């Protein structure tokens, strides 16, 4: 599985159909007729696409997904470290975004974090944690765009336009060059409590994506959670139902709408994400990005009903430093 830099979409020529679509008011695109046309067009795009692995990424790309991860970790029982695995981690933006979210408020909770990608080149970039203008060029996106000025200061030490991730975020991450579809991966990672697989399965052909997603699900500790975004919804829905994963209701819609990049690319790119449609009979599973896998674990909220798990929101105190001198 080869990686390729994400070709920037800005400035590329649009065909007539896409130009017309983007000029339509959102209210028209959101009608039954508009969604039906979009779904039809997206099926054609996905069927004809020559899929390849892109590296497009940003810091704090999907904030609701990060918030859900925080809540999941907050509900793990005391007494042992929480094991987290980030698969397809690209140049590390998602890993450091997750750690910034988790460590800033839970300084006393030990995390064991494994991050992996199939590309040795991007793992070296991720391990270094140093990002300048060339990093944005490499992935074809402005990786710092979602950050406020305060967040830039909290996460990075700056030298001109280049930011180096602060040591309290870099420390303790175990980086791996590995394939998420490797069935022996569990011997390297063990069984994490939380597995995150974002924005790479959509770049695989559907059958390969299904096989990889089944393998990813097998990594999760019984009663643990899987958060998977950037995947063909037919693939995710089918595997989740096949394996009996329980959809997590908390923040479902916010996570679905939380990545503006993929939402804006529907229906014209294979990785584009369709609008949430409650009229579908399978909408609960189809639009859930998080699932509880296997039997309930001690200290984890149980299911709110036969088909979903509801995580109760946890109070957020003032953000505090994870280590002195941050």
Protein backbone atom coordinates (compact mmCIF):
# COMPACT_ATOMS: atom_id res chain seq x y z
CA UNK A 1 0.00 0.00 0.00
CA UNK A 2 1.85 3.08 -1.20
CA UNK A 3 1.42 6.53 0.21
CA UNK A 4 1.16 9.61 -1.96
CA UNK A 5 1.07 13.25 -0.99
CA UNK A 6 -2.44 14.64 -1.06
CA UNK A 7 -2.70 16.76 -4.21
CA UNK A 8 -4.10 20.16 -3.22
CA UNK A 9 -7.64 20.71 -4.41
CA UNK A 10 -7.38 24.49 -4.45
CA UNK A 11 -7.01 25.90 -7.93
CA UNK A 12 -7.75 22.67 -9.78
CA UNK A 13 -10.27 22.89 -12.64
CA UNK A 14 -13.80 21.76 -11.85
CA UNK A 15 -15.99 19.97 -14.35
CA UNK A 16 -19.35 21.44 -15.30
CA UNK A 17 -21.35 19.19 -12.97
CA UNK A 18 -19.25 20.03 -9.95
CA UNK A 19 -19.32 23.76 -10.72
CA UNK A 20 -23.11 23.64 -10.87
CA UNK A 21 -23.35 21.61 -7.66
CA UNK A 22 -21.15 24.00 -5.70
CA UNK A 23 -23.19 26.97 -6.88
CA UNK A 24 -26.47 25.47 -5.68
CA UNK A 25 -27.78 26.80 -2.36
CA UNK A 26 -27.31 24.36 0.49
CA UNK A 27 -31.06 24.19 0.95
CA UNK A 28 -31.45 22.75 -2.55
CA UNK A 29 -28.59 20.29 -2.18
CA UNK A 30 -30.19 19.10 1.07
CA UNK A 31 -33.57 18.26 -0.48
CA UNK A 32 -34.53 14.66 -1.16
CA UNK A 33 -33.84 15.18 -4.87
CA UNK A 34 -30.50 16.87 -4.17
CA UNK A 35 -29.34 14.11 -1.82
CA UNK A 36 -30.48 11.42 -4.24
CA UNK A 37 -28.48 13.02 -7.03
CA UNK A 38 -25.46 13.37 -4.76
CA UNK A 39 -25.67 9.74 -3.67
CA UNK A 40 -25.96 8.59 -7.28
CA UNK A 41 -22.96 10.69 -8.29
CA UNK A 42 -20.89 9.49 -5.33
CA UNK A 43 -21.54 5.85 -6.23
CA UNK A 44 -20.22 6.54 -9.72
CA UNK A 45 -17.16 8.37 -8.37
CA UNK A 46 -16.33 5.55 -5.96
CA UNK A 47 -16.81 2.87 -8.60
CA UNK A 48 -14.55 4.61 -11.12
CA UNK A 49 -11.91 5.87 -8.71
CA UNK A 50 -8.32 4.69 -8.89
CA UNK A 51 -7.77 4.80 -5.16
CA UNK A 52 -4.40 5.58 -3.66
CA UNK A 53 -3.24 6.47 -0.17
CA UNK A 54 -3.19 10.21 0.58
CA UNK A 55 -1.58 11.92 3.56
CA UNK A 56 -3.93 14.87 4.03
CA UNK A 57 -4.07 15.73 7.73
CA UNK A 58 -4.44 18.61 10.20
CA UNK A 59 -4.10 19.22 13.91
CA UNK A 60 -7.40 19.10 15.85
CA UNK A 61 -9.09 18.10 12.61
CA UNK A 62 -12.27 16.64 14.16
CA UNK A 63 -12.78 18.16 17.60
CA UNK A 64 -15.96 16.20 18.49
CA UNK A 65 -14.10 12.93 17.82
CA UNK A 66 -11.30 14.05 20.14
CA UNK A 67 -13.86 14.99 22.80
CA UNK A 68 -15.44 11.55 22.55
CA UNK A 69 -12.02 9.93 22.99
CA UNK A 70 -11.55 12.06 26.12
CA UNK A 71 -14.87 10.85 27.54
CA UNK A 72 -14.08 7.21 26.75
CA UNK A 73 -10.71 7.43 28.51
CA UNK A 74 -12.29 9.25 31.46
CA UNK A 75 -14.61 6.30 32.06
CA UNK A 76 -12.00 3.60 32.16
CA UNK A 77 -11.72 2.00 35.57
CA UNK A 78 -8.81 2.97 37.82
CA UNK A 79 -5.82 0.82 38.60
CA UNK A 80 -4.08 0.35 35.28
CA UNK A 81 -2.87 2.41 32.33
CA UNK A 82 -5.24 3.11 29.46
CA UNK A 83 -3.91 1.60 26.24
CA UNK A 84 -4.52 3.61 23.07
CA UNK A 85 -3.55 2.77 19.49
CA UNK A 86 -3.68 5.21 16.57
CA UNK A 87 -3.56 3.41 13.22
CA UNK A 88 -2.64 5.10 9.95
CA UNK A 89 -1.17 7.96 11.96
CA UNK A 90 0.38 9.78 8.96
CA UNK A 91 2.84 12.51 10.04
CA UNK A 92 1.58 12.51 13.62
CA UNK A 93 -0.90 15.40 13.70
CA UNK A 94 -3.71 13.16 14.89
CA UNK A 95 -1.57 11.48 17.54
CA UNK A 96 -0.43 14.77 19.06
CA UNK A 97 -3.95 16.21 18.83
CA UNK A 98 -5.25 13.22 20.78
CA UNK A 99 -2.52 13.46 23.41
CA UNK A 100 -3.08 17.19 23.82
CA UNK A 101 -6.76 16.45 24.46
CA UNK A 102 -6.12 13.59 26.90
CA UNK A 103 -3.03 14.70 28.79
CA UNK A 104 -3.97 18.32 29.38
CA UNK A 105 -6.71 17.34 31.81
CA UNK A 106 -5.74 13.90 33.06
CA UNK A 107 -2.18 14.43 34.28
CA UNK A 108 -2.53 11.66 36.86
CA UNK A 109 -3.76 8.95 34.44
CA UNK A 110 -1.09 6.89 32.70
CA UNK A 111 -1.53 6.35 28.97
CA UNK A 112 0.21 3.74 26.84
CA UNK A 113 0.10 5.05 23.28
CA UNK A 114 1.10 3.17 20.14
CA UNK A 115 1.04 4.91 16.75
CA UNK A 116 1.65 3.20 13.45
CA UNK A 117 1.78 3.85 9.75
CA UNK A 118 2.89 1.76 6.80
CA UNK A 119 5.31 4.42 5.58
CA UNK A 120 8.76 4.70 7.26
CA UNK A 121 9.09 8.25 5.89
CA UNK A 122 5.98 9.58 7.61
CA UNK A 123 6.78 7.74 10.86
CA UNK A 124 10.12 9.55 10.99
CA UNK A 125 8.36 12.88 10.48
CA UNK A 126 5.84 12.00 13.18
CA UNK A 127 8.51 10.91 15.67
CA UNK A 128 10.46 14.15 15.16
CA UNK A 129 7.33 16.23 15.79
CA UNK A 130 8.77 19.20 13.89
CA UNK A 131 6.47 20.90 11.39
CA UNK A 132 7.25 23.75 9.06
CA UNK A 133 5.78 24.98 5.78
CA UNK A 134 7.23 21.92 4.03
CA UNK A 135 5.02 19.65 6.17
CA UNK A 136 1.88 21.36 4.87
CA UNK A 137 3.21 21.04 1.33
CA UNK A 138 3.96 17.35 1.92
CA UNK A 139 0.37 16.55 2.91
CA UNK A 140 -1.30 19.09 0.62
CA UNK A 141 -3.12 20.91 3.44
CA UNK A 142 -2.46 23.66 5.98
CA UNK A 143 -1.88 21.46 9.01
CA UNK A 144 -2.14 24.33 11.52
CA UNK A 145 -5.30 25.90 10.07
CA UNK A 146 -7.76 24.63 12.72
CA UNK A 147 -5.65 25.90 15.66
CA UNK A 148 -6.22 29.09 17.60
CA UNK A 149 -3.24 31.22 18.59
CA UNK A 150 -3.52 29.92 22.16
CA UNK A 151 -3.54 26.30 20.96
CA UNK A 152 -0.47 26.91 18.82
CA UNK A 153 1.38 28.21 21.86
CA UNK A 154 0.24 25.32 24.06
CA UNK A 155 1.16 22.56 21.62
CA UNK A 156 4.37 23.86 20.00
CA UNK A 157 7.68 25.57 20.59
CA UNK A 158 8.09 27.96 17.66
CA UNK A 159 11.14 28.92 15.65
CA UNK A 160 9.81 31.27 13.00
CA UNK A 161 7.22 29.39 10.91
CA UNK A 162 8.33 25.99 12.26
CA UNK A 163 6.67 24.44 15.28
CA UNK A 164 8.11 21.57 17.35
CA UNK A 165 5.64 19.60 19.43
CA UNK A 166 6.29 20.18 23.13
CA UNK A 167 8.13 17.39 24.97
CA UNK A 168 5.19 16.65 27.29
CA UNK A 169 3.22 15.61 24.20
CA UNK A 170 6.00 13.69 22.44
CA UNK A 171 7.14 11.70 25.44
CA UNK A 172 6.07 8.08 25.72
CA UNK A 173 4.67 7.47 22.24
CA UNK A 174 5.77 4.17 20.70
CA UNK A 175 6.02 4.55 16.93
CA UNK A 176 5.72 1.57 14.60
CA UNK A 177 6.12 0.97 10.88
CA UNK A 178 3.34 -1.53 10.31
CA UNK A 179 0.29 -2.35 8.22
CA UNK A 180 -3.11 -2.02 9.91
CA UNK A 181 -4.24 -5.04 7.91
CA UNK A 182 -1.52 -7.33 9.27
CA UNK A 183 -3.21 -10.14 11.25
CA UNK A 184 -0.11 -10.47 13.47
CA UNK A 185 -0.37 -6.85 14.61
CA UNK A 186 -1.90 -7.89 17.92
CA UNK A 187 1.42 -9.48 18.90
CA UNK A 188 3.03 -6.02 18.71
CA UNK A 189 0.26 -3.85 20.12
CA UNK A 190 -1.57 -6.16 22.48
CA UNK A 191 -5.27 -5.35 22.98
CA UNK A 192 -5.74 -1.57 23.34
CA UNK A 193 -8.72 -0.15 25.22
CA UNK A 194 -9.21 2.47 22.51
CA UNK A 195 -8.28 2.08 18.85
CA UNK A 196 -8.50 5.01 16.44
CA UNK A 197 -8.41 4.44 12.68
CA UNK A 198 -9.02 7.64 10.77
CA UNK A 199 -8.93 8.73 7.15
CA UNK A 200 -7.13 5.87 5.46
CA UNK A 201 -9.62 3.06 4.89
CA UNK A 202 -11.49 5.14 2.31
CA UNK A 203 -8.39 5.03 0.11
CA UNK A 204 -8.50 1.22 -0.10
CA UNK A 205 -10.71 -0.79 -2.49
CA UNK A 206 -13.87 -1.85 -0.63
CA UNK A 207 -12.94 -5.53 -0.18
CA UNK A 208 -9.48 -4.63 1.10
CA UNK A 209 -11.02 -2.04 3.43
CA UNK A 210 -13.46 -4.61 4.84
CA UNK A 211 -10.67 -7.09 5.54
CA UNK A 212 -8.54 -4.38 7.16
CA UNK A 213 -11.42 -3.14 9.30
CA UNK A 214 -12.16 -6.64 10.55
CA UNK A 215 -8.51 -6.96 11.54
CA UNK A 216 -8.60 -3.59 13.29
CA UNK A 217 -11.68 -4.60 15.26
CA UNK A 218 -9.93 -7.75 16.43
CA UNK A 219 -7.28 -5.60 18.12
CA UNK A 220 -9.71 -3.93 20.52
CA UNK A 221 -9.80 -5.26 24.07
CA UNK A 222 -13.18 -6.78 25.07
CA UNK A 223 -15.40 -3.91 26.14
CA UNK A 224 -13.07 -1.41 24.50
CA UNK A 225 -13.88 1.16 21.86
CA UNK A 226 -13.08 1.66 18.19
CA UNK A 227 -13.33 5.08 16.53
CA UNK A 228 -13.16 4.80 12.75
CA UNK A 229 -13.66 7.70 10.35
CA UNK A 230 -12.66 8.32 6.75
CA UNK A 231 -14.11 5.03 5.51
CA UNK A 232 -16.76 4.11 2.96
CA UNK A 233 -19.96 4.07 5.00
CA UNK A 234 -21.17 0.88 3.31
CA UNK A 235 -17.95 -0.82 4.44
CA UNK A 236 -18.16 0.41 8.03
CA UNK A 237 -21.86 -0.38 8.36
CA UNK A 238 -21.49 -3.89 6.97
CA UNK A 239 -18.52 -4.84 9.15
CA UNK A 240 -20.08 -3.33 12.28
CA UNK A 241 -23.27 -5.34 11.79
CA UNK A 242 -21.41 -8.50 10.83
CA UNK A 243 -19.29 -8.40 14.00
CA UNK A 244 -21.96 -7.10 16.35
CA UNK A 245 -20.27 -3.83 17.29
CA UNK A 246 -22.49 -1.53 19.36
CA UNK A 247 -22.74 2.02 17.97
CA UNK A 248 -21.95 4.80 20.44
CA UNK A 249 -24.69 7.44 20.32
CA UNK A 250 -22.75 10.18 22.13
CA UNK A 251 -21.65 12.96 19.76
CA UNK A 252 -22.66 10.89 16.73
CA UNK A 253 -23.88 13.78 14.61
CA UNK A 254 -21.19 16.20 15.77
CA UNK A 255 -18.44 13.76 14.77
CA UNK A 256 -20.08 13.10 11.41
CA UNK A 257 -20.14 16.83 10.68
CA UNK A 258 -16.84 17.50 12.48
CA UNK A 259 -14.46 17.14 9.53
CA UNK A 260 -15.22 19.93 7.11
CA UNK A 261 -12.64 18.68 4.60
CA UNK A 262 -14.39 15.40 3.79
CA UNK A 263 -17.89 16.81 4.07
CA UNK A 264 -17.08 19.49 1.49
CA UNK A 265 -15.71 16.91 -0.96
CA UNK A 266 -18.95 14.91 -1.20
CA UNK A 267 -20.05 13.73 -3.72
CA UNK A 268 -17.14 14.53 -6.06
CA UNK A 269 -14.29 12.69 -4.34
CA UNK A 270 -14.29 9.07 -3.29
CA UNK A 271 -13.37 10.08 0.26
CA UNK A 272 -16.25 12.59 0.46
CA UNK A 273 -18.69 12.07 3.34
CA UNK A 274 -22.41 12.08 2.66
CA UNK A 275 -24.79 14.19 4.78
CA UNK A 276 -26.44 12.41 7.69
CA UNK A 277 -29.87 11.11 6.71
CA UNK A 278 -32.17 9.98 9.53
CA UNK A 279 -34.66 8.66 6.99
CA UNK A 280 -32.43 5.64 6.35
CA UNK A 281 -33.36 2.47 8.20
CA UNK A 282 -29.70 1.86 9.04
CA UNK A 283 -28.83 5.42 10.05
CA UNK A 284 -27.91 4.61 13.67
CA UNK A 285 -25.08 2.30 12.60
CA UNK A 286 -24.24 4.01 9.32
CA UNK A 287 -23.49 7.40 10.83
CA UNK A 288 -21.79 6.20 14.02
CA UNK A 289 -18.02 6.60 14.02
CA UNK A 290 -17.49 4.99 17.43
CA UNK A 291 -18.35 1.47 18.53
CA UNK A 292 -18.07 -0.62 21.65
CA UNK A 293 -16.49 -3.96 20.81
CA UNK A 294 -17.11 -7.17 22.74
CA UNK A 295 -18.35 -7.57 26.28
CA UNK A 296 -18.62 -4.59 28.68
CA UNK A 297 -15.49 -3.86 30.68
CA UNK A 298 -15.50 -2.77 34.34
CA UNK A 299 -15.94 0.97 34.72
CA UNK A 300 -17.39 1.46 31.23
CA UNK A 301 -20.94 2.71 30.75
CA UNK A 302 -23.26 -0.01 29.50
CA UNK A 303 -25.62 0.19 26.56
CA UNK A 304 -28.47 2.67 26.67
CA UNK A 305 -30.60 0.35 24.57
CA UNK A 306 -30.37 -2.77 22.47
CA UNK A 307 -28.49 -1.12 19.61
CA UNK A 308 -26.44 1.77 20.99
CA UNK A 309 -24.12 2.76 23.80
CA UNK A 310 -24.64 6.17 25.41
CA UNK A 311 -21.63 7.72 27.13
CA UNK A 312 -22.60 10.26 29.76
CA UNK A 313 -20.79 13.60 29.38
CA UNK A 314 -18.09 14.20 31.97
CA UNK A 315 -17.53 17.61 33.53
CA UNK A 316 -14.55 19.49 32.15
CA UNK A 317 -12.56 21.39 34.70
CA UNK A 318 -10.10 24.11 33.84
CA UNK A 319 -7.35 22.90 31.50
CA UNK A 320 -4.23 22.29 33.55
CA UNK A 321 -0.62 21.62 32.77
CA UNK A 322 0.34 17.96 32.39
CA UNK A 323 3.93 18.57 33.47
CA UNK A 324 5.73 21.51 35.06
CA UNK A 325 7.22 23.97 32.63
CA UNK A 326 4.79 23.37 29.80
